[in-house]
Structure formats: C-alpha cells, structure tokens
Protein backbone atom coordinates (compact mmCIF):
# COMPACT_ATOMS: atom_id res chain seq x y z
CA UNK A 1 215.10 69.43 -94.53
CA UNK A 2 215.38 69.82 -98.16
CA UNK A 3 217.29 66.97 -99.90
CA UNK A 4 220.98 68.78 -99.92
CA UNK A 5 222.31 66.40 -103.01
CA UNK A 6 221.75 67.31 -106.34
CA UNK A 7 219.20 65.53 -108.66
CA UNK A 8 221.06 63.43 -112.18
CA UNK A 9 220.03 66.83 -113.77
CA UNK A 10 221.71 69.64 -112.23
CA UNK A 11 224.79 67.50 -111.59
CA UNK A 12 224.82 67.51 -115.37
CA UNK A 13 224.16 70.59 -115.94
CA UNK A 14 226.93 71.86 -113.89
CA UNK A 15 229.23 69.10 -115.59
CA UNK A 16 228.57 70.20 -118.56
CA UNK A 17 229.61 74.20 -117.54
CA UNK A 18 232.31 73.33 -115.71
CA UNK A 19 234.02 71.23 -118.82
CA UNK A 20 232.58 74.26 -120.94
CA UNK A 21 234.94 76.56 -118.29
CA UNK A 22 237.94 74.36 -118.48
CA UNK A 23 237.73 73.94 -121.97
CA UNK A 24 237.49 77.89 -121.97
CA UNK A 25 240.54 78.88 -119.57
CA UNK A 26 242.79 76.04 -121.42
CA UNK A 27 242.42 78.60 -124.66
CA UNK A 28 242.50 81.76 -122.84
CA UNK A 29 245.14 81.23 -120.13
CA UNK A 30 247.26 78.13 -120.68
CA UNK A 31 249.31 79.08 -117.95
CA UNK A 32 246.59 78.31 -115.03
CA UNK A 33 246.82 74.21 -115.55
CA UNK A 34 246.19 74.32 -112.53
CA UNK A 35 242.76 76.18 -112.50
CA UNK A 36 242.13 73.95 -115.85
CA UNK A 37 242.71 70.52 -113.87
CA UNK A 38 240.12 71.74 -111.06
CA UNK A 39 237.14 72.73 -113.06
CA UNK A 40 238.01 69.55 -115.48
CA UNK A 41 238.42 66.94 -112.26
CA UNK A 42 235.16 68.89 -110.81
CA UNK A 43 233.41 68.45 -114.11
CA UNK A 44 234.29 64.68 -113.82
CA UNK A 45 233.02 63.69 -110.60
CA UNK A 46 229.92 66.18 -111.09
CA UNK A 47 229.70 63.74 -114.24
CA UNK A 48 229.67 60.54 -112.19
CA UNK A 49 227.74 61.90 -109.53
CA UNK A 50 224.63 62.31 -112.84
CA UNK A 51 224.98 58.82 -113.59
CA UNK A 52 224.79 57.84 -110.31
CA UNK A 53 221.82 59.71 -109.51
CA UNK A 54 220.52 58.83 -112.36
CA UNK A 55 220.89 55.16 -112.05
CA UNK A 56 219.06 54.98 -108.45
CA UNK A 57 215.62 56.46 -109.78
CA UNK A 58 216.32 53.24 -112.45
CA UNK A 59 217.31 50.76 -110.26
CA UNK A 60 214.35 50.63 -108.23
CA UNK A 61 212.43 48.15 -109.46
CA UNK A 62 209.66 45.99 -108.04
CA UNK A 63 209.32 47.09 -104.41
CA UNK A 64 206.55 44.17 -103.88
CA UNK A 65 208.76 42.73 -101.47
CA UNK A 66 211.56 46.05 -100.05
CA UNK A 67 209.84 45.31 -96.83
CA UNK A 68 210.04 41.45 -96.90
CA UNK A 69 213.27 41.93 -97.95
CA UNK A 70 214.47 44.41 -94.48
CA UNK A 71 212.22 42.59 -91.87
CA UNK A 72 214.85 38.93 -93.25
CA UNK A 73 217.38 41.14 -93.15
CA UNK A 74 216.64 41.68 -89.64
CA UNK A 75 215.69 38.49 -88.37
CA UNK A 76 218.58 36.98 -89.92
CA UNK A 77 220.80 39.53 -87.57
CA UNK A 78 218.95 38.74 -84.04
CA UNK A 79 219.37 35.04 -84.81
CA UNK A 80 222.91 35.83 -85.87
CA UNK A 81 223.25 37.87 -81.88
CA UNK A 82 223.70 41.43 -83.26
CA UNK A 83 222.14 43.88 -81.33
CA UNK A 84 219.07 44.77 -82.03
CA UNK A 85 219.01 48.33 -84.08
CA UNK A 86 216.04 49.32 -82.40
CA UNK A 87 216.48 49.02 -79.23
CA UNK A 88 220.30 51.84 -80.38
CA UNK A 89 217.17 54.02 -82.12
CA UNK A 90 215.29 53.74 -78.14
CA UNK A 91 218.08 55.23 -76.44
CA UNK A 92 218.57 58.10 -77.96
CA UNK A 93 214.91 58.92 -78.90
CA UNK A 94 214.31 60.44 -74.84
CA UNK A 95 217.07 63.13 -76.45
CA UNK A 96 215.72 65.84 -78.84
CA UNK A 97 219.26 66.50 -79.31
CA UNK A 98 220.83 63.98 -80.46
CA UNK A 99 218.03 63.19 -82.72
CA UNK A 100 218.90 66.45 -84.37
CA UNK A 101 222.51 66.40 -84.86
CA UNK A 102 222.46 62.97 -85.60
CA UNK A 103 219.47 63.96 -88.29
CA UNK A 104 221.79 66.87 -89.91
CA UNK A 105 224.51 64.33 -89.53
CA UNK A 106 223.05 61.44 -92.21
CA UNK A 107 221.70 64.56 -94.60
CA UNK A 108 225.42 66.40 -94.73
CA UNK A 109 228.03 64.69 -93.92
CA UNK A 110 228.05 62.12 -95.81
CA UNK A 111 229.13 63.98 -99.10
CA UNK A 112 230.50 67.30 -97.55
CA UNK A 113 233.31 65.09 -95.82
CA UNK A 114 234.11 63.15 -98.83
CA UNK A 115 234.31 66.37 -101.22
CA UNK A 116 236.79 67.75 -98.46
CA UNK A 117 239.03 64.82 -98.70
CA UNK A 118 238.85 64.98 -102.31
CA UNK A 119 239.59 68.38 -103.09
CA UNK A 120 242.67 68.10 -100.51
CA UNK A 121 244.01 65.50 -102.30
CA UNK A 122 243.90 66.68 -105.06
CA UNK A 123 245.81 70.02 -104.37
CA UNK A 124 248.14 68.69 -102.12
CA UNK A 125 248.62 65.52 -103.06
CA UNK A 126 248.02 64.57 -106.72
CA UNK A 127 249.97 61.18 -107.18
CA UNK A 128 247.72 59.78 -104.38
CA UNK A 129 244.19 61.54 -105.52
CA UNK A 130 243.87 58.84 -108.71
CA UNK A 131 244.03 55.77 -106.41
CA UNK A 132 241.20 57.67 -103.86
CA UNK A 133 239.00 58.73 -106.63
CA UNK A 134 238.72 55.36 -108.64
CA UNK A 135 237.92 53.68 -105.62
CA UNK A 136 234.91 55.86 -105.30
CA UNK A 137 233.73 55.23 -108.61
CA UNK A 138 234.27 51.39 -107.81
CA UNK A 139 232.64 50.95 -104.76
CA UNK A 140 230.05 53.66 -105.01
CA UNK A 141 229.03 51.44 -108.70
CA UNK A 142 229.07 48.04 -106.75
CA UNK A 143 227.05 49.42 -104.30
CA UNK A 144 224.12 50.42 -107.38
CA UNK A 145 224.45 46.91 -108.63
CA UNK A 146 223.51 45.13 -105.56
CA UNK A 147 220.75 48.43 -105.44
CA UNK A 148 218.72 47.35 -108.49
CA UNK A 149 217.07 44.61 -105.74
CA UNK A 150 215.04 46.98 -103.58
CA UNK A 151 215.02 46.57 -99.73
CA UNK A 152 213.43 48.78 -97.65
CA UNK A 153 215.53 50.67 -94.57
CA UNK A 154 214.74 50.11 -91.02
CA UNK A 155 212.68 53.09 -90.45
CA UNK A 156 209.43 51.80 -92.27
CA UNK A 157 209.45 48.00 -90.25
CA UNK A 158 206.96 50.36 -88.02
CA UNK A 159 205.75 46.61 -86.56
CA UNK A 160 209.78 45.72 -85.61
CA UNK A 161 210.08 48.95 -82.93
CA UNK A 162 211.65 51.13 -85.50
CA UNK A 163 211.05 54.87 -86.03
CA UNK A 164 211.83 57.47 -88.90
CA UNK A 165 212.86 60.10 -86.78
CA UNK A 166 214.11 62.42 -89.29
CA UNK A 167 210.41 62.77 -90.78
CA UNK A 168 209.25 63.05 -87.40
CA UNK A 169 211.44 66.05 -86.93
CA UNK A 170 210.73 67.21 -90.25
CA UNK A 171 215.12 66.59 -91.55
CA UNK A 172 213.95 63.84 -93.46
CA UNK A 173 216.07 64.38 -96.89
CA UNK A 174 213.35 62.48 -98.70
CA UNK A 175 210.59 64.81 -98.04
CA UNK A 176 212.05 67.23 -100.06
CA UNK A 177 212.44 66.92 -103.59
CA UNK A 178 214.47 68.50 -106.38
CA UNK A 179 213.86 69.22 -109.91
CA UNK A 180 210.63 66.80 -109.21
CA UNK A 181 213.34 63.87 -108.47
CA UNK A 182 213.16 62.34 -104.57
CA UNK A 183 215.60 60.62 -103.23
CA UNK A 184 216.12 56.76 -103.44
CA UNK A 185 214.28 55.60 -99.84
CA UNK A 186 214.30 51.70 -101.06
CA UNK A 187 218.51 51.19 -101.94
CA UNK A 188 219.23 50.19 -98.15
CA UNK A 189 221.13 47.52 -99.00
CA UNK A 190 224.08 48.32 -99.14
CA UNK A 191 225.22 50.99 -97.16
CA UNK A 192 227.05 53.94 -99.80
CA UNK A 193 227.02 56.35 -96.51
CA UNK A 194 229.85 53.34 -94.49
CA UNK A 195 231.09 52.78 -97.33
CA UNK A 196 232.52 56.54 -98.46
CA UNK A 197 232.79 56.88 -94.68
CA UNK A 198 235.86 54.02 -93.92
CA UNK A 199 236.94 55.05 -97.48
CA UNK A 200 237.71 58.61 -96.49
CA UNK A 201 239.68 57.57 -93.08
CA UNK A 202 241.77 54.48 -94.62
CA UNK A 203 242.94 57.57 -97.20
CA UNK A 204 243.06 60.57 -94.82
CA UNK A 205 245.13 57.57 -92.74
CA UNK A 206 247.29 56.54 -95.70
CA UNK A 207 248.29 59.31 -97.60
CA UNK A 208 248.92 62.10 -94.03
CA UNK A 209 251.50 62.09 -92.26
CA UNK A 210 250.40 64.28 -89.35
CA UNK A 211 249.63 62.47 -85.69
CA UNK A 212 246.70 63.54 -85.86
CA UNK A 213 245.44 61.81 -88.90
CA UNK A 214 243.91 59.52 -86.77
CA UNK A 215 240.89 60.98 -85.15
CA UNK A 216 239.44 60.61 -89.10
CA UNK A 217 238.23 57.86 -87.07
CA UNK A 218 235.34 59.74 -85.57
CA UNK A 219 234.03 59.96 -89.07
CA UNK A 220 233.61 56.31 -89.64
CA UNK A 221 232.41 55.55 -86.00
CA UNK A 222 229.65 58.25 -85.97
CA UNK A 223 228.92 58.04 -89.21
CA UNK A 224 227.80 54.22 -88.39
CA UNK A 225 226.06 54.93 -85.10
CA UNK A 226 224.03 57.48 -86.81
CA UNK A 227 222.96 55.37 -89.80
CA UNK A 228 221.66 53.07 -87.13
CA UNK A 229 220.07 55.48 -84.46
CA UNK A 230 218.47 57.33 -87.54
CA UNK A 231 217.20 53.71 -88.45
CA UNK A 232 218.45 54.52 -92.49
CA UNK A 233 220.64 51.45 -92.62
CA UNK A 234 220.74 47.69 -90.72
CA UNK A 235 224.57 46.47 -89.33
CA UNK A 236 223.82 44.42 -92.87
CA UNK A 237 224.13 47.22 -95.14
CA UNK A 238 227.17 48.40 -93.79
CA UNK A 239 229.12 44.85 -93.32
CA UNK A 240 228.27 44.38 -97.01
CA UNK A 241 229.60 47.69 -98.05
CA UNK A 242 232.88 47.16 -96.22
CA UNK A 243 233.07 43.95 -97.81
CA UNK A 244 232.79 45.74 -101.28
CA UNK A 245 235.16 48.85 -100.53
CA UNK A 246 238.24 45.46 -100.27
CA UNK A 247 236.83 44.00 -103.41
CA UNK A 248 237.52 47.63 -104.79
CA UNK A 249 240.53 47.92 -103.30
CA UNK A 250 241.57 44.10 -104.05
CA UNK A 251 240.88 45.02 -108.05
CA UNK A 252 242.71 48.15 -108.04
CA UNK A 253 245.65 45.92 -106.17
CA UNK A 254 245.35 43.07 -108.20
CA UNK A 255 245.52 45.98 -111.93
CA UNK A 256 248.62 47.35 -110.52
CA UNK A 257 250.37 44.03 -109.88
CA UNK A 258 249.96 43.52 -113.49
CA UNK A 259 250.83 46.65 -114.90
CA UNK A 260 253.83 46.40 -113.16
CA UNK A 261 254.59 42.52 -114.22
CA UNK A 262 253.26 43.36 -118.08
CA UNK A 263 256.31 46.47 -117.34
CA UNK A 264 258.30 44.46 -116.28
CA UNK A 265 258.50 41.97 -118.58
CA UNK A 266 258.64 44.20 -121.57
CA UNK A 267 261.55 45.73 -120.56
CA UNK A 268 263.38 42.79 -120.09
CA UNK A 269 265.33 40.78 -123.01
CA UNK A 270 264.96 37.91 -124.22
CA UNK A 271 267.59 35.04 -122.89
CA UNK A 272 267.56 32.92 -126.44
CA UNK A 273 266.95 36.08 -128.86
CA UNK A 274 270.19 36.10 -131.15
CA UNK A 275 272.26 39.81 -130.61
CA UNK A 276 271.84 41.86 -133.87
CA UNK A 277 275.87 41.20 -136.17
CA UNK A 278 276.40 44.82 -135.91
CA UNK A 279 277.10 43.99 -132.12
CA UNK A 280 279.35 40.64 -132.37
CA UNK A 281 282.78 41.60 -132.30
C-alpha cells in the first residue's frame, strides 16, 4: 500500500502555494474573508505537518538499541499483568477480511478523521477551533520529542510472536516511500495514532450538541484495537500518548487561567492610589 501521507517537501510546497493563494484572494477579492481564512489555515497546518515529517526523519538517531527497548516494554507490560498484544493479533489472523480492514484503518483514518474534524470546527465552530488546533500541535510536538529515542514497533519482534500483517498483505505504509523518503518505522513510542483519536473524540463530544456525538467514541476504541492487532504499537505507547494529551490540556488550561488573572488584575484599580484632583469635590 502506498504511504497515504505527504512528504515534507510536498507538504511544504503545498503550504507555500496555499499562502500565496490566500494573499492573492485577499488582494483581488477582499470580501472573500472566509476563503482567505480557509486557505491561510490550510497552509499553516500543512507547514506544521511538513515540519513534523522533517523532524520525524531526523529523529532516528542511533537505532542500535531500538529492538532492545521494544523488548523491554513488552516484558514490562507482561510483568505488570497487561494482556499480551501478540495474543490479540493471533485472534484476528484467521480472518483475512478483518486483517485487511485493520490495515486500511491504520493507514487512512488517522489523518482522515482528524482533517474532517478540523474542517468541521473551522467552518462551523470557529471559536473552538484554535483550542483543538493548539492541542494537536502541543501533543504532536511532545510525541516527537520522545521519538528522538528510537523504539521499534511490536511487528519487528518476531521472536516474541508478532507478525507484520500489513507487509504480509501488501498493505504496509512503510514499504512505499514518497519523494525518496520513507515513513519512520522506529518511532513507535508514543503512539500519535492514539493521541489523535482520543483528541478527536474529546473535541467532538465537547463541541457538538447532537446525542449522536457519542458515536465518535468508536474511533478511539477501533484505533486502539487496530494499532495493537496490526502490531504497530504496544499498550504502553498508547498510555504514554494519552498522558501527553492530558498534559497538553493542562498546559492550555493553565495558560488560559494566567491570561484571565492578568486581564483581571489590569482592570482593577489599586485601592491605595490617590484619585485625580479633578475628581475631588
């Protein structure tokens, strides 16, 4: 399966084109503010994505101990009593249709659902959009910092009973590169897939008002199951990702409280300050 994501070169070039288009529309059609905003925001997201792709390629330092770290994570999980991911994978391998669906879900829904939710927020709930976009940036940046330490995914631990099902079915997103570059295979810890799917669910439930919004919980449930049965991530990868997401929320909450405190303090008059003489009667 061809890697469904863009390379950093393609993303960067597209971002420049979108910024140029937004500038042209602003100059030629100044009344089209919504179009300008959409083009500028799309350019910003693609520029951030290009940076993420570039850093992801640079983050693979020494890979000598990537497999050792993966084996340590698996061994620690078993010692803590967590279910063996290999047993989950063995449960689905007899069903080729489920395997193919899981591989497709892993390859496409990660970006697809996020893009749809961001577009929905931008067009329908602009006031809440910045909160979600900032969360995406913060949690993804935090994941990248940890990914500077290479960790192999479970599918590379054949001696532990794992199988690379995507490669067996010709659906691996890591076999087909774009622009001479390939997706980073040694950045399994933490799982950006898990971080994003939980983020999407929280955003939809918090912003939407329809009772059907709770169906979005199926996305993180399916995503967690998919990343495990395809042997792309350990349980620990997802747990660390969710912890980083909670940290991103805490940072934004703290920053918002600080801004409100400063705004409130600036609006209050100091009690001991003498009144102007002109106000004294």
